[in-house]
């Protein structure tokens, strides 16, 4: 059964920030500083070591082209921290767990969860995002995060099974929601947890004209799809709110976190 379609609101340490020198705090007490115009900085539990050289890659799509400056957006930083806090509030994370982040980008969400997990596989189809992620992992000598290029729509499923799978702002880019959720269910170990963070249903103004994905999701409809492919104990909570525009043109876009078990 689908439980808590609206879900209980999670008290957040961070919601929305626009300062270029953003500083945030996680539940564990680590401080995280967003990047400047030149440096890509992840979410690290202590002072990060930054790669000295970040040469631009040939861009083949939007995500490749934006990879080098992705972490410089303080709202993306704050959103990742808020989702990580939501996951830690709703899922009993343990140090022995093996996790998969699908649609990882530069790994902002996984860096926030990295101290609490034994092993994290980070999957994305963007070479540019994975290149930046790999540099961040190497520069900070992280040993439990392992990037891989993977498209769950077109590639064979990995043989590994995971205790925890999480994804942030990825699903609305994928047309076949049912197929994606079915594959994520397959990749989970018995009683594993899926944490899916994405946009609530909106009027198309978030991406604007020309976007071919989903204009967010209706929580009840998404929960019903998840239940149809085998998920159980499905819960929703609002974990973040983004605002686009200013003054009377400002529009709020809530970000939900769906948590479900295999």
C-alpha atoms as a PDB file:
ATOM      1  CA  UNK A   1       0.000   0.000   0.000  1.00  0.00           C
ATOM      2  CA  UNK A   2       1.063   3.570  -0.638  1.00  0.00           C
ATOM      3  CA  UNK A   3       1.503   5.305   2.694  1.00  0.00           C
ATOM      4  CA  UNK A   4       1.781   8.999   3.459  1.00  0.00           C
ATOM      5  CA  UNK A   5       1.272  10.453  -0.015  1.00  0.00           C
ATOM      6  CA  UNK A   6       1.975  13.892   1.367  1.00  0.00           C
ATOM      7  CA  UNK A   7       4.354  12.637   4.028  1.00  0.00           C
ATOM      8  CA  UNK A   8       5.518  14.380   7.178  1.00  0.00           C
ATOM      9  CA  UNK A   9       7.548  17.509   6.617  1.00  0.00           C
ATOM     10  CA  UNK A  10      11.219  17.020   7.459  1.00  0.00           C
ATOM     11  CA  UNK A  11      12.828  19.883   9.437  1.00  0.00           C
ATOM     12  CA  UNK A  12      15.645  21.124   7.221  1.00  0.00           C
ATOM     13  CA  UNK A  13      18.915  22.768   8.116  1.00  0.00           C
ATOM     14  CA  UNK A  14      18.972  24.343   4.654  1.00  0.00           C
ATOM     15  CA  UNK A  15      16.348  25.107   2.043  1.00  0.00           C
ATOM     16  CA  UNK A  16      17.214  27.840  -0.445  1.00  0.00           C
ATOM     17  CA  UNK A  17      20.402  29.921  -0.728  1.00  0.00           C
ATOM     18  CA  UNK A  18      21.748  32.370  -3.261  1.00  0.00           C
ATOM     19  CA  UNK A  19      24.964  33.640  -1.686  1.00  0.00           C
ATOM     20  CA  UNK A  20      28.083  33.080  -3.836  1.00  0.00           C
ATOM     21  CA  UNK A  21      30.014  32.162  -0.676  1.00  0.00           C
ATOM     22  CA  UNK A  22      27.518  29.662   0.641  1.00  0.00           C
ATOM     23  CA  UNK A  23      28.377  27.736   3.776  1.00  0.00           C
ATOM     24  CA  UNK A  24      26.165  24.861   4.875  1.00  0.00           C
ATOM     25  CA  UNK A  25      26.029  22.369   7.716  1.00  0.00           C
ATOM     26  CA  UNK A  26      24.963  18.714   7.698  1.00  0.00           C
ATOM     27  CA  UNK A  27      23.405  16.735  10.550  1.00  0.00           C
ATOM     28  CA  UNK A  28      26.815  15.226  11.279  1.00  0.00           C
ATOM     29  CA  UNK A  29      28.253  18.697  11.835  1.00  0.00           C
ATOM     30  CA  UNK A  30      30.577  18.938   8.837  1.00  0.00           C
ATOM     31  CA  UNK A  31      30.929  22.296   7.103  1.00  0.00           C
ATOM     32  CA  UNK A  32      30.753  22.614   3.332  1.00  0.00           C
ATOM     33  CA  UNK A  33      31.625  25.618   1.214  1.00  0.00           C
ATOM     34  CA  UNK A  34      30.417  26.165  -2.336  1.00  0.00           C
ATOM     35  CA  UNK A  35      32.839  26.823  -5.169  1.00  0.00           C
ATOM     36  CA  UNK A  36      34.029  30.048  -6.678  1.00  0.00           C
ATOM     37  CA  UNK A  37      33.869  30.843 -10.372  1.00  0.00           C
ATOM     38  CA  UNK A  38      36.995  28.762 -11.033  1.00  0.00           C
ATOM     39  CA  UNK A  39      36.897  25.802  -8.698  1.00  0.00           C
ATOM     40  CA  UNK A  40      34.689  22.781  -8.469  1.00  0.00           C
ATOM     41  CA  UNK A  41      34.146  21.881  -4.829  1.00  0.00           C
ATOM     42  CA  UNK A  42      32.106  18.965  -3.602  1.00  0.00           C
ATOM     43  CA  UNK A  43      30.466  18.417  -0.239  1.00  0.00           C
ATOM     44  CA  UNK A  44      33.280  17.252   1.974  1.00  0.00           C
ATOM     45  CA  UNK A  45      33.423  16.474   5.694  1.00  0.00           C
ATOM     46  CA  UNK A  46      36.554  18.619   6.143  1.00  0.00           C
ATOM     47  CA  UNK A  47      38.615  21.124   4.196  1.00  0.00           C
ATOM     48  CA  UNK A  48      38.673  19.866   0.593  1.00  0.00           C
ATOM     49  CA  UNK A  49      41.713  19.548  -1.617  1.00  0.00           C
ATOM     50  CA  UNK A  50      40.805  21.083  -4.963  1.00  0.00           C
ATOM     51  CA  UNK A  51      42.114  19.874  -8.337  1.00  0.00           C
ATOM     52  CA  UNK A  52      44.594  22.454  -9.634  1.00  0.00           C
ATOM     53  CA  UNK A  53      43.755  22.011 -13.309  1.00  0.00           C
ATOM     54  CA  UNK A  54      40.297  21.494 -14.778  1.00  0.00           C
ATOM     55  CA  UNK A  55      40.489  21.561 -18.544  1.00  0.00           C
ATOM     56  CA  UNK A  56      37.235  21.873 -20.458  1.00  0.00           C
ATOM     57  CA  UNK A  57      36.016  18.711 -22.165  1.00  0.00           C
ATOM     58  CA  UNK A  58      34.373  18.674 -25.602  1.00  0.00           C
ATOM     59  CA  UNK A  59      30.655  18.978 -24.837  1.00  0.00           C
ATOM     60  CA  UNK A  60      28.234  16.520 -26.393  1.00  0.00           C
ATOM     61  CA  UNK A  61      25.143  17.512 -24.422  1.00  0.00           C
ATOM     62  CA  UNK A  62      23.838  19.956 -21.855  1.00  0.00           C
ATOM     63  CA  UNK A  63      25.230  18.029 -18.906  1.00  0.00           C
ATOM     64  CA  UNK A  64      28.705  17.639 -20.399  1.00  0.00           C
ATOM     65  CA  UNK A  65      28.745  21.367 -21.147  1.00  0.00           C
ATOM     66  CA  UNK A  66      27.675  22.392 -17.642  1.00  0.00           C
ATOM     67  CA  UNK A  67      29.758  19.878 -15.671  1.00  0.00           C
ATOM     68  CA  UNK A  68      32.637  22.257 -14.894  1.00  0.00           C
ATOM     69  CA  UNK A  69      30.424  24.870 -13.277  1.00  0.00           C
ATOM     70  CA  UNK A  70      27.734  22.578 -11.875  1.00  0.00           C
ATOM     71  CA  UNK A  71      28.960  22.781  -8.274  1.00  0.00           C
ATOM     72  CA  UNK A  72      29.203  26.565  -8.417  1.00  0.00           C
ATOM     73  CA  UNK A  73      25.433  26.930  -8.083  1.00  0.00           C
ATOM     74  CA  UNK A  74      24.679  27.334  -4.355  1.00  0.00           C
ATOM     75  CA  UNK A  75      21.094  26.152  -4.830  1.00  0.00           C
ATOM     76  CA  UNK A  76      22.357  22.816  -6.190  1.00  0.00           C
ATOM     77  CA  UNK A  77      24.651  22.573  -3.166  1.00  0.00           C
ATOM     78  CA  UNK A  78      21.813  23.324  -0.746  1.00  0.00           C
ATOM     79  CA  UNK A  79      19.430  20.960  -2.544  1.00  0.00           C
ATOM     80  CA  UNK A  80      21.873  18.062  -2.296  1.00  0.00           C
ATOM     81  CA  UNK A  81      22.416  18.665   1.408  1.00  0.00           C
ATOM     82  CA  UNK A  82      18.682  18.851   2.068  1.00  0.00           C
ATOM     83  CA  UNK A  83      18.029  15.601   0.202  1.00  0.00           C
ATOM     84  CA  UNK A  84      20.897  13.900   2.051  1.00  0.00           C
ATOM     85  CA  UNK A  85      19.387  15.039   5.340  1.00  0.00           C
ATOM     86  CA  UNK A  86      16.026  13.675   4.237  1.00  0.00           C
ATOM     87  CA  UNK A  87      17.528  10.307   3.335  1.00  0.00           C
ATOM     88  CA  UNK A  88      19.307  10.055   6.661  1.00  0.00           C
ATOM     89  CA  UNK A  89      16.104  10.986   8.474  1.00  0.00           C
ATOM     90  CA  UNK A  90      13.939   8.376   6.734  1.00  0.00           C
ATOM     91  CA  UNK A  91      16.304   5.469   6.052  1.00  0.00           C
ATOM     92  CA  UNK A  92      18.264   3.492   8.667  1.00  0.00           C
ATOM     93  CA  UNK A  93      21.669   3.930   7.043  1.00  0.00           C
ATOM     94  CA  UNK A  94      24.422   1.672   8.391  1.00  0.00           C
ATOM     95  CA  UNK A  95      28.209   1.717   7.812  1.00  0.00           C
ATOM     96  CA  UNK A  96      28.186  -1.682   6.056  1.00  0.00           C
ATOM     97  CA  UNK A  97      25.815  -0.579   3.283  1.00  0.00           C
ATOM     98  CA  UNK A  98      26.617  -0.608  -0.425  1.00  0.00           C
ATOM     99  CA  UNK A  99      24.824   2.166  -2.312  1.00  0.00           C
ATOM    100  CA  UNK A 100      24.199   3.285  -5.879  1.00  0.00           C
ATOM    101  CA  UNK A 101      23.533   6.859  -6.948  1.00  0.00           C
ATOM    102  CA  UNK A 102      21.924   6.938 -10.368  1.00  0.00           C
ATOM    103  CA  UNK A 103      22.248  10.160 -12.350  1.00  0.00           C
ATOM    104  CA  UNK A 104      25.021  11.224  -9.987  1.00  0.00           C
ATOM    105  CA  UNK A 105      26.346  14.213 -11.930  1.00  0.00           C
ATOM    106  CA  UNK A 106      29.326  15.597 -10.025  1.00  0.00           C
ATOM    107  CA  UNK A 107      28.401  13.585  -6.928  1.00  0.00           C
ATOM    108  CA  UNK A 108      27.091  16.358  -4.675  1.00  0.00           C
ATOM    109  CA  UNK A 109      24.566  14.082  -2.982  1.00  0.00           C
ATOM    110  CA  UNK A 110      26.970  11.161  -2.608  1.00  0.00           C
ATOM    111  CA  UNK A 111      29.684  13.338  -1.037  1.00  0.00           C
ATOM    112  CA  UNK A 112      27.153  14.278   1.639  1.00  0.00           C
ATOM    113  CA  UNK A 113      26.418  10.593   2.352  1.00  0.00           C
ATOM    114  CA  UNK A 114      29.942   9.244   1.790  1.00  0.00           C
ATOM    115  CA  UNK A 115      31.061   9.164   5.458  1.00  0.00           C
ATOM    116  CA  UNK A 116      28.079   6.968   6.377  1.00  0.00           C
ATOM    117  CA  UNK A 117      28.371   4.198   3.752  1.00  0.00           C
ATOM    118  CA  UNK A 118      30.914   1.465   3.071  1.00  0.00           C
ATOM    119  CA  UNK A 119      30.802   1.625  -0.727  1.00  0.00           C
ATOM    120  CA  UNK A 120      29.112   3.940  -3.239  1.00  0.00           C
ATOM    121  CA  UNK A 121      28.831   3.301  -6.967  1.00  0.00           C
ATOM    122  CA  UNK A 122      28.051   6.523  -8.832  1.00  0.00           C
ATOM    123  CA  UNK A 123      26.458   6.101 -12.247  1.00  0.00           C
ATOM    124  CA  UNK A 124      25.776   8.663 -14.957  1.00  0.00           C
ATOM    125  CA  UNK A 125      25.669   8.760 -18.753  1.00  0.00           C
ATOM    126  CA  UNK A 126      27.516  12.103 -18.996  1.00  0.00           C
ATOM    127  CA  UNK A 127      31.266  11.815 -19.594  1.00  0.00           C
ATOM    128  CA  UNK A 128      31.755  15.424 -18.535  1.00  0.00           C
ATOM    129  CA  UNK A 129      30.042  14.967 -15.187  1.00  0.00           C
ATOM    130  CA  UNK A 130      31.957  11.758 -14.488  1.00  0.00           C
ATOM    131  CA  UNK A 131      35.278  13.421 -15.348  1.00  0.00           C
ATOM    132  CA  UNK A 132      34.674  16.188 -12.796  1.00  0.00           C
ATOM    133  CA  UNK A 133      33.486  13.627 -10.242  1.00  0.00           C
ATOM    134  CA  UNK A 134      36.590  11.503 -10.740  1.00  0.00           C
ATOM    135  CA  UNK A 135      38.848  14.539 -10.228  1.00  0.00           C
ATOM    136  CA  UNK A 136      37.066  15.423  -6.997  1.00  0.00           C
ATOM    137  CA  UNK A 137      37.369  11.859  -5.684  1.00  0.00           C
ATOM    138  CA  UNK A 138      41.058  11.682  -6.589  1.00  0.00           C
ATOM    139  CA  UNK A 139      41.919  15.117  -5.191  1.00  0.00           C
ATOM    140  CA  UNK A 140      40.353  14.259  -1.845  1.00  0.00           C
ATOM    141  CA  UNK A 141      41.663  10.669  -1.691  1.00  0.00           C
ATOM    142  CA  UNK A 142      38.196   9.209  -1.292  1.00  0.00           C
ATOM    143  CA  UNK A 143      38.380   5.405  -1.363  1.00  0.00           C
ATOM    144  CA  UNK A 144      34.750   4.296  -1.099  1.00  0.00           C
ATOM    145  CA  UNK A 145      33.278   6.161  -4.112  1.00  0.00           C
ATOM    146  CA  UNK A 146      33.533   4.570  -7.569  1.00  0.00           C
ATOM    147  CA  UNK A 147      32.169   6.293 -10.719  1.00  0.00           C
ATOM    148  CA  UNK A 148      30.896   4.359 -13.716  1.00  0.00           C
ATOM    149  CA  UNK A 149      29.266   5.304 -17.003  1.00  0.00           C
ATOM    150  CA  UNK A 150      25.819   3.724 -17.104  1.00  0.00           C
ATOM    151  CA  UNK A 151      22.481   4.415 -18.779  1.00  0.00           C
ATOM    152  CA  UNK A 152      19.767   2.235 -17.263  1.00  0.00           C
ATOM    153  CA  UNK A 153      17.518   2.907 -20.239  1.00  0.00           C
ATOM    154  CA  UNK A 154      19.895   1.431 -22.844  1.00  0.00           C
ATOM    155  CA  UNK A 155      22.669  -0.493 -21.048  1.00  0.00           C
ATOM    156  CA  UNK A 156      22.534  -3.980 -19.509  1.00  0.00           C
ATOM    157  CA  UNK A 157      21.910  -3.957 -15.778  1.00  0.00           C
ATOM    158  CA  UNK A 158      24.978  -4.356 -13.560  1.00  0.00           C
ATOM    159  CA  UNK A 159      25.400  -7.626 -11.707  1.00  0.00           C
ATOM    160  CA  UNK A 160      25.795  -5.866  -8.360  1.00  0.00           C
ATOM    161  CA  UNK A 161      22.936  -5.493  -5.904  1.00  0.00           C
ATOM    162  CA  UNK A 162      22.686  -2.552  -3.507  1.00  0.00           C
ATOM    163  CA  UNK A 163      21.324  -1.927  -0.019  1.00  0.00           C
ATOM    164  CA  UNK A 164      20.445   1.657  -0.930  1.00  0.00           C
ATOM    165  CA  UNK A 165      19.760   3.374  -4.249  1.00  0.00           C
ATOM    166  CA  UNK A 166      19.172   7.099  -4.482  1.00  0.00           C
ATOM    167  CA  UNK A 167      18.647   9.572  -7.290  1.00  0.00           C
ATOM    168  CA  UNK A 168      18.170  13.338  -7.390  1.00  0.00           C
ATOM    169  CA  UNK A 169      16.453  15.310 -10.181  1.00  0.00           C
ATOM    170  CA  UNK A 170      17.091  12.503 -12.662  1.00  0.00           C
ATOM    171  CA  UNK A 171      13.793  10.707 -13.171  1.00  0.00           C
ATOM    172  CA  UNK A 172      11.971  13.608 -14.820  1.00  0.00           C
ATOM    173  CA  UNK A 173      14.505  13.404 -17.673  1.00  0.00           C
ATOM    174  CA  UNK A 174      13.619   9.749 -18.402  1.00  0.00           C
ATOM    175  CA  UNK A 175      10.469   9.053 -20.402  1.00  0.00           C
ATOM    176  CA  UNK A 176       9.913   5.454 -19.296  1.00  0.00           C
ATOM    177  CA  UNK A 177       9.275   5.909 -15.576  1.00  0.00           C
ATOM    178  CA  UNK A 178       7.897   2.397 -15.156  1.00  0.00           C
ATOM    179  CA  UNK A 179      10.900   0.803 -16.849  1.00  0.00           C
ATOM    180  CA  UNK A 180      13.329   2.842 -14.754  1.00  0.00           C
ATOM    181  CA  UNK A 181      11.623   1.944 -11.478  1.00  0.00           C
ATOM    182  CA  UNK A 182      11.498  -1.714 -12.506  1.00  0.00           C
ATOM    183  CA  UNK A 183      15.261  -1.685 -13.145  1.00  0.00           C
ATOM    184  CA  UNK A 184      15.975   0.084  -9.863  1.00  0.00           C
ATOM    185  CA  UNK A 185      13.852  -2.511  -8.057  1.00  0.00           C
ATOM    186  CA  UNK A 186      15.906  -5.285  -9.679  1.00  0.00           C
ATOM    187  CA  UNK A 187      19.175  -3.645  -8.586  1.00  0.00           C
ATOM    188  CA  UNK A 188      18.139  -3.487  -4.942  1.00  0.00           C
ATOM    189  CA  UNK A 189      19.084  -6.224  -2.513  1.00  0.00           C
ATOM    190  CA  UNK A 190      16.297  -7.826  -0.500  1.00  0.00           C
ATOM    191  CA  UNK A 191      14.666  -5.229   1.791  1.00  0.00           C
ATOM    192  CA  UNK A 192      16.839  -2.496   0.284  1.00  0.00           C
ATOM    193  CA  UNK A 193      15.664   1.109   0.103  1.00  0.00           C
ATOM    194  CA  UNK A 194      15.055   3.375  -2.892  1.00  0.00           C
ATOM    195  CA  UNK A 195      15.214   7.142  -2.327  1.00  0.00           C
ATOM    196  CA  UNK A 196      13.955   9.166  -5.287  1.00  0.00           C
ATOM    197  CA  UNK A 197      14.035  12.967  -5.109  1.00  0.00           C
ATOM    198  CA  UNK A 198      12.409  14.989  -7.863  1.00  0.00           C
ATOM    199  CA  UNK A 199      10.015  17.784  -8.796  1.00  0.00           C
ATOM    200  CA  UNK A 200       6.376  17.843  -7.867  1.00  0.00           C
ATOM    201  CA  UNK A 201       4.088  18.115 -10.891  1.00  0.00           C
ATOM    202  CA  UNK A 202       4.417  21.608 -12.398  1.00  0.00           C
ATOM    203  CA  UNK A 203       3.177  23.587 -15.408  1.00  0.00           C
ATOM    204  CA  UNK A 204       6.281  23.191 -17.563  1.00  0.00           C
ATOM    205  CA  UNK A 205       7.830  26.491 -16.504  1.00  0.00           C
ATOM    206  CA  UNK A 206      10.702  24.839 -14.615  1.00  0.00           C
ATOM    207  CA  UNK A 207      12.528  23.842 -17.805  1.00  0.00           C
ATOM    208  CA  UNK A 208      10.595  25.938 -20.293  1.00  0.00           C
ATOM    209  CA  UNK A 209       9.803  25.261 -23.922  1.00  0.00           C
ATOM    210  CA  UNK A 210      11.584  22.448 -25.730  1.00  0.00           C
ATOM    211  CA  UNK A 211      11.958  20.149 -22.721  1.00  0.00           C
ATOM    212  CA  UNK A 212      10.991  16.584 -23.635  1.00  0.00           C
ATOM    213  CA  UNK A 213      10.888  14.984 -20.179  1.00  0.00           C
ATOM    214  CA  UNK A 214       8.267  15.002 -17.432  1.00  0.00           C
ATOM    215  CA  UNK A 215       7.021  18.254 -15.921  1.00  0.00           C
ATOM    216  CA  UNK A 216       7.520  16.818 -12.463  1.00  0.00           C
ATOM    217  CA  UNK A 217       5.448  14.019 -10.972  1.00  0.00           C
ATOM    218  CA  UNK A 218       2.140  13.626  -9.217  1.00  0.00           C
ATOM    219  CA  UNK A 219       3.036  11.857  -5.987  1.00  0.00           C
ATOM    220  CA  UNK A 220       0.055   9.526  -5.992  1.00  0.00           C
ATOM    221  CA  UNK A 221       0.647   8.472  -9.604  1.00  0.00           C
ATOM    222  CA  UNK A 222       4.365   7.920  -9.048  1.00  0.00           C
ATOM    223  CA  UNK A 223       3.692   5.921  -5.898  1.00  0.00           C
ATOM    224  CA  UNK A 224       1.226   3.741  -7.799  1.00  0.00           C
ATOM    225  CA  UNK A 225       3.862   3.002 -10.473  1.00  0.00           C
ATOM    226  CA  UNK A 226       6.409   2.148  -7.789  1.00  0.00           C
ATOM    227  CA  UNK A 227       3.926  -0.188  -6.119  1.00  0.00           C
ATOM    228  CA  UNK A 228       3.093  -1.838  -9.462  1.00  0.00           C
ATOM    229  CA  UNK A 229       6.739  -2.891 -10.007  1.00  0.00           C
ATOM    230  CA  UNK A 230       7.079  -4.355  -6.506  1.00  0.00           C
ATOM    231  CA  UNK A 231       8.006  -1.558  -4.097  1.00  0.00           C
ATOM    232  CA  UNK A 232       6.351  -1.378  -0.690  1.00  0.00           C
ATOM    233  CA  UNK A 233       6.211   0.954   2.336  1.00  0.00           C
ATOM    234  CA  UNK A 234       6.152   3.947  -0.009  1.00  0.00           C
ATOM    235  CA  UNK A 235       6.389   7.355   1.667  1.00  0.00           C
ATOM    236  CA  UNK A 236       6.724  10.932   0.435  1.00  0.00           C
ATOM    237  CA  UNK A 237       8.059  14.061   2.109  1.00  0.00           C
ATOM    238  CA  UNK A 238       8.898  17.554   0.891  1.00  0.00           C
ATOM    239  CA  UNK A 239      12.619  18.085   1.478  1.00  0.00           C
ATOM    240  CA  UNK A 240      13.435  21.250  -0.465  1.00  0.00           C
ATOM    241  CA  UNK A 241      11.831  24.220  -2.199  1.00  0.00           C
ATOM    242  CA  UNK A 242      13.352  25.999  -5.175  1.00  0.00           C
ATOM    243  CA  UNK A 243      12.300  29.455  -6.382  1.00  0.00           C
ATOM    244  CA  UNK A 244      12.733  30.759  -9.915  1.00  0.00           C
ATOM    245  CA  UNK A 245      12.088  34.353 -10.892  1.00  0.00           C
ATOM    246  CA  UNK A 246      11.803  37.453  -8.729  1.00  0.00           C
ATOM    247  CA  UNK A 247       9.049  39.589  -7.274  1.00  0.00           C
ATOM    248  CA  UNK A 248       5.553  38.903  -8.639  1.00  0.00           C
ATOM    249  CA  UNK A 249       7.044  36.514 -11.224  1.00  0.00           C
ATOM    250  CA  UNK A 250       8.632  34.275  -8.586  1.00  0.00           C
ATOM    251  CA  UNK A 251       7.449  30.668  -8.669  1.00  0.00           C
ATOM    252  CA  UNK A 252       8.136  27.957  -6.113  1.00  0.00           C
ATOM    253  CA  UNK A 253       8.944  24.381  -7.071  1.00  0.00           C
ATOM    254  CA  UNK A 254       8.806  21.834  -4.225  1.00  0.00           C
ATOM    255  CA  UNK A 255      11.188  18.859  -4.336  1.00  0.00           C
ATOM    256  CA  UNK A 256       9.836  15.630  -2.836  1.00  0.00           C
ATOM    257  CA  UNK A 257      11.669  12.591  -1.556  1.00  0.00           C
ATOM    258  CA  UNK A 258       9.989   9.243  -2.198  1.00  0.00           C
ATOM    259  CA  UNK A 259      11.297   6.431   0.011  1.00  0.00           C
ATOM    260  CA  UNK A 260      10.323   2.835  -0.716  1.00  0.00           C
ATOM    261  CA  UNK A 261      11.483  -0.673   0.184  1.00  0.00           C
ATOM    262  CA  UNK A 262      11.934  -3.754  -1.950  1.00  0.00           C
END
